[in-house]
Amino acid sequence: MAREVAIERYDQRVADAEAAWAAETAELARVCRSAEAAAEILGWSVRELRRVVKSDRERRAAADEPHAGGHDADA
């Protein structure tokens, strides 16, 4: 039981770190006002940077929806 709890805590810390990394990457792109400039700073391809920014945007949108799709069923 303790091992499963430790694994879950570790997985959550990794997920939190990945989310923070994506948010910081998206913030860099916003500050630069250019995906191309941010990608050049990071040494990434523009495609990879845009993928990370898109995943951050989707994660934030999902976090803002408390009942993702559930409240429309009652309407």
N, C-alpha and C. Protein backbone atom coordinates (compact mmCIF):
# COMPACT_ATOMS: atom_id res chain seq x y z
N MET A 1 0.82 -1.19 0.00
CA MET A 1 0.00 0.00 0.00
C MET A 1 0.86 1.26 0.00
N ALA A 2 1.87 1.32 0.86
CA ALA A 2 2.74 2.49 0.95
C ALA A 2 3.50 2.71 -0.36
N ARG A 3 3.87 1.61 -1.00
CA ARG A 3 4.59 1.73 -2.26
C ARG A 3 3.70 2.37 -3.33
N GLU A 4 2.43 1.96 -3.39
CA GLU A 4 1.51 2.54 -4.37
C GLU A 4 1.30 4.02 -4.13
N VAL A 5 1.20 4.41 -2.87
CA VAL A 5 1.04 5.82 -2.52
C VAL A 5 2.28 6.60 -2.93
N ALA A 6 3.45 6.04 -2.68
CA ALA A 6 4.70 6.71 -3.05
C ALA A 6 4.80 6.87 -4.56
N ILE A 7 4.39 5.85 -5.29
CA ILE A 7 4.41 5.91 -6.75
C ILE A 7 3.45 6.98 -7.25
N GLU A 8 2.26 7.05 -6.67
CA GLU A 8 1.28 8.07 -7.06
C GLU A 8 1.81 9.48 -6.78
N ARG A 9 2.44 9.66 -5.62
CA ARG A 9 3.01 10.97 -5.28
C ARG A 9 4.11 11.35 -6.26
N TYR A 10 4.96 10.39 -6.60
CA TYR A 10 6.03 10.63 -7.55
C TYR A 10 5.46 10.99 -8.92
N ASP A 11 4.47 10.21 -9.38
CA ASP A 11 3.85 10.50 -10.67
C ASP A 11 3.23 11.89 -10.69
N GLN A 12 2.63 12.31 -9.57
CA GLN A 12 2.03 13.64 -9.50
C GLN A 12 3.11 14.72 -9.54
N ARG A 13 4.23 14.49 -8.87
CA ARG A 13 5.33 15.47 -8.90
C ARG A 13 5.89 15.60 -10.31
N VAL A 14 6.02 14.48 -11.02
CA VAL A 14 6.50 14.52 -12.40
C VAL A 14 5.50 15.28 -13.28
N ALA A 15 4.21 14.99 -13.13
CA ALA A 15 3.19 15.69 -13.92
C ALA A 15 3.20 17.18 -13.61
N ASP A 16 3.36 17.55 -12.34
CA ASP A 16 3.42 18.96 -11.95
C ASP A 16 4.64 19.64 -12.57
N ALA A 17 5.77 18.95 -12.56
CA ALA A 17 6.99 19.51 -13.14
C ALA A 17 6.85 19.70 -14.64
N GLU A 18 6.23 18.72 -15.32
CA GLU A 18 6.01 18.84 -16.76
C GLU A 18 5.08 20.00 -17.08
N ALA A 19 4.04 20.17 -16.26
CA ALA A 19 3.11 21.28 -16.47
C ALA A 19 3.80 22.62 -16.25
N ALA A 20 4.65 22.70 -15.24
CA ALA A 20 5.38 23.95 -14.98
C ALA A 20 6.34 24.25 -16.13
N TRP A 21 7.01 23.22 -16.63
CA TRP A 21 7.93 23.39 -17.75
C TRP A 21 7.18 23.89 -18.98
N ALA A 22 6.04 23.30 -19.27
CA ALA A 22 5.25 23.73 -20.43
C ALA A 22 4.75 25.16 -20.24
N ALA A 23 4.33 25.51 -19.04
CA ALA A 23 3.85 26.87 -18.77
C ALA A 23 4.98 27.87 -18.93
N GLU A 24 6.17 27.55 -18.46
CA GLU A 24 7.32 28.46 -18.61
C GLU A 24 7.70 28.61 -20.08
N THR A 25 7.62 27.52 -20.83
CA THR A 25 7.93 27.58 -22.26
C THR A 25 6.91 28.46 -22.98
N ALA A 26 5.64 28.28 -22.65
CA ALA A 26 4.59 29.11 -23.25
C ALA A 26 4.78 30.57 -22.88
N GLU A 27 5.17 30.84 -21.64
CA GLU A 27 5.42 32.22 -21.20
C GLU A 27 6.58 32.83 -21.98
N LEU A 28 7.62 32.07 -22.23
CA LEU A 28 8.74 32.57 -23.03
C LEU A 28 8.26 32.95 -24.42
N ALA A 29 7.43 32.11 -25.02
CA ALA A 29 6.91 32.42 -26.36
C ALA A 29 6.07 33.71 -26.32
N ARG A 30 5.28 33.88 -25.25
CA ARG A 30 4.47 35.10 -25.13
C ARG A 30 5.36 36.33 -24.95
N VAL A 31 6.37 36.22 -24.10
CA VAL A 31 7.27 37.35 -23.85
C VAL A 31 8.03 37.71 -25.13
N CYS A 32 8.47 36.72 -25.85
CA CYS A 32 9.19 36.96 -27.10
C CYS A 32 8.27 37.47 -28.22
N ARG A 33 6.97 37.22 -28.04
CA ARG A 33 5.97 37.55 -29.06
C ARG A 33 6.27 36.86 -30.39
N SER A 34 6.97 35.73 -30.29
CA SER A 34 7.34 35.00 -31.49
C SER A 34 7.75 33.59 -31.12
N ALA A 35 7.06 32.63 -31.72
CA ALA A 35 7.44 31.23 -31.51
C ALA A 35 8.83 30.97 -32.09
N GLU A 36 9.13 31.64 -33.18
CA GLU A 36 10.43 31.45 -33.82
C GLU A 36 11.56 31.92 -32.92
N ALA A 37 11.39 33.09 -32.29
CA ALA A 37 12.43 33.62 -31.40
C ALA A 37 12.59 32.72 -30.17
N ALA A 38 11.48 32.30 -29.58
CA ALA A 38 11.55 31.43 -28.40
C ALA A 38 12.21 30.10 -28.76
N ALA A 39 11.86 29.54 -29.90
CA ALA A 39 12.46 28.28 -30.33
C ALA A 39 13.97 28.43 -30.54
N GLU A 40 14.36 29.55 -31.10
CA GLU A 40 15.79 29.79 -31.31
C GLU A 40 16.53 29.90 -29.98
N ILE A 41 15.94 30.60 -29.00
CA ILE A 41 16.55 30.72 -27.68
C ILE A 41 16.73 29.35 -27.04
N LEU A 42 15.72 28.50 -27.17
CA LEU A 42 15.76 27.18 -26.54
C LEU A 42 16.54 26.15 -27.36
N GLY A 43 16.80 26.47 -28.61
CA GLY A 43 17.48 25.51 -29.47
C GLY A 43 16.54 24.41 -29.95
N TRP A 44 15.26 24.74 -30.02
CA TRP A 44 14.24 23.79 -30.46
C TRP A 44 13.77 24.14 -31.86
N SER A 45 13.04 23.20 -32.46
CA SER A 45 12.36 23.53 -33.71
C SER A 45 11.10 24.31 -33.35
N VAL A 46 10.64 25.13 -34.28
CA VAL A 46 9.42 25.90 -34.06
C VAL A 46 8.25 24.94 -33.87
N ARG A 47 8.26 23.85 -34.59
CA ARG A 47 7.18 22.86 -34.49
C ARG A 47 7.08 22.30 -33.06
N GLU A 48 8.23 21.96 -32.47
CA GLU A 48 8.24 21.42 -31.10
C GLU A 48 7.75 22.47 -30.11
N LEU A 49 8.20 23.69 -30.26
CA LEU A 49 7.77 24.75 -29.35
C LEU A 49 6.26 24.95 -29.45
N ARG A 50 5.75 24.98 -30.64
CA ARG A 50 4.30 25.16 -30.82
C ARG A 50 3.52 23.99 -30.24
N ARG A 51 4.08 22.78 -30.32
CA ARG A 51 3.41 21.61 -29.73
C ARG A 51 3.31 21.79 -28.21
N VAL A 52 4.39 22.25 -27.60
CA VAL A 52 4.39 22.44 -26.14
C VAL A 52 3.42 23.56 -25.75
N VAL A 53 3.42 24.66 -26.50
CA VAL A 53 2.51 25.77 -26.21
C VAL A 53 1.06 25.30 -26.35
N LYS A 54 0.78 24.52 -27.39
CA LYS A 54 -0.58 24.02 -27.60
C LYS A 54 -1.00 23.10 -26.45
N SER A 55 -0.11 22.21 -26.02
CA SER A 55 -0.46 21.30 -24.92
C SER A 55 -0.69 22.08 -23.63
N ASP A 56 0.09 23.14 -23.42
CA ASP A 56 -0.12 23.98 -22.22
C ASP A 56 -1.48 24.67 -22.29
N ARG A 57 -1.82 25.19 -23.45
CA ARG A 57 -3.12 25.85 -23.63
C ARG A 57 -4.26 24.87 -23.38
N GLU A 58 -4.15 23.65 -23.91
CA GLU A 58 -5.19 22.64 -23.72
C GLU A 58 -5.30 22.23 -22.25
N ARG A 59 -4.15 22.09 -21.57
CA ARG A 59 -4.15 21.72 -20.16
C ARG A 59 -4.81 22.81 -19.32
N ARG A 60 -4.51 24.07 -19.63
CA ARG A 60 -5.12 25.18 -18.89
C ARG A 60 -6.63 25.24 -19.14
N ALA A 61 -7.04 25.00 -20.38
CA ALA A 61 -8.47 25.02 -20.70
C ALA A 61 -9.19 23.90 -19.96
N ALA A 62 -8.58 22.72 -19.91
CA ALA A 62 -9.19 21.59 -19.20
C ALA A 62 -9.28 21.87 -17.71
N ALA A 63 -8.27 22.54 -17.16
CA ALA A 63 -8.28 22.86 -15.74
C ALA A 63 -9.34 23.91 -15.41
N ASP A 64 -9.67 24.77 -16.37
CA ASP A 64 -10.68 25.81 -16.16
C ASP A 64 -12.10 25.27 -16.24
N GLU A 65 -12.28 24.08 -16.82
CA GLU A 65 -13.59 23.47 -16.95
C GLU A 65 -13.81 22.50 -15.79
N PRO A 66 -14.60 22.89 -14.79
CA PRO A 66 -14.76 22.02 -13.62
C PRO A 66 -15.44 20.69 -13.92
N HIS A 67 -16.37 20.69 -14.86
CA HIS A 67 -17.09 19.46 -15.22
C HIS A 67 -17.02 19.28 -16.72
N ALA A 68 -15.88 18.94 -17.22
CA ALA A 68 -15.63 18.86 -18.65
C ALA A 68 -16.75 18.12 -19.39
N GLY A 69 -17.67 18.86 -19.96
CA GLY A 69 -18.73 18.30 -20.76
C GLY A 69 -19.92 17.78 -19.97
N GLY A 70 -19.85 17.71 -18.68
CA GLY A 70 -20.90 17.12 -17.89
C GLY A 70 -22.13 17.98 -17.69
N HIS A 71 -22.00 19.30 -17.69
CA HIS A 71 -23.14 20.14 -17.36
C HIS A 71 -24.07 20.38 -18.54
N ASP A 72 -23.66 20.09 -19.77
CA ASP A 72 -24.53 20.27 -20.93
C ASP A 72 -25.61 19.20 -21.02
N ALA A 73 -25.38 18.06 -20.42
CA ALA A 73 -26.32 16.94 -20.52
C ALA A 73 -27.65 17.28 -19.84
N ASP A 74 -27.64 18.15 -18.83
CA ASP A 74 -28.86 18.50 -18.11
C ASP A 74 -29.64 19.61 -18.78
N ALA A 75 -29.06 20.27 -19.74
CA ALA A 75 -29.72 21.44 -20.37
C ALA A 75 -30.89 21.05 -21.24
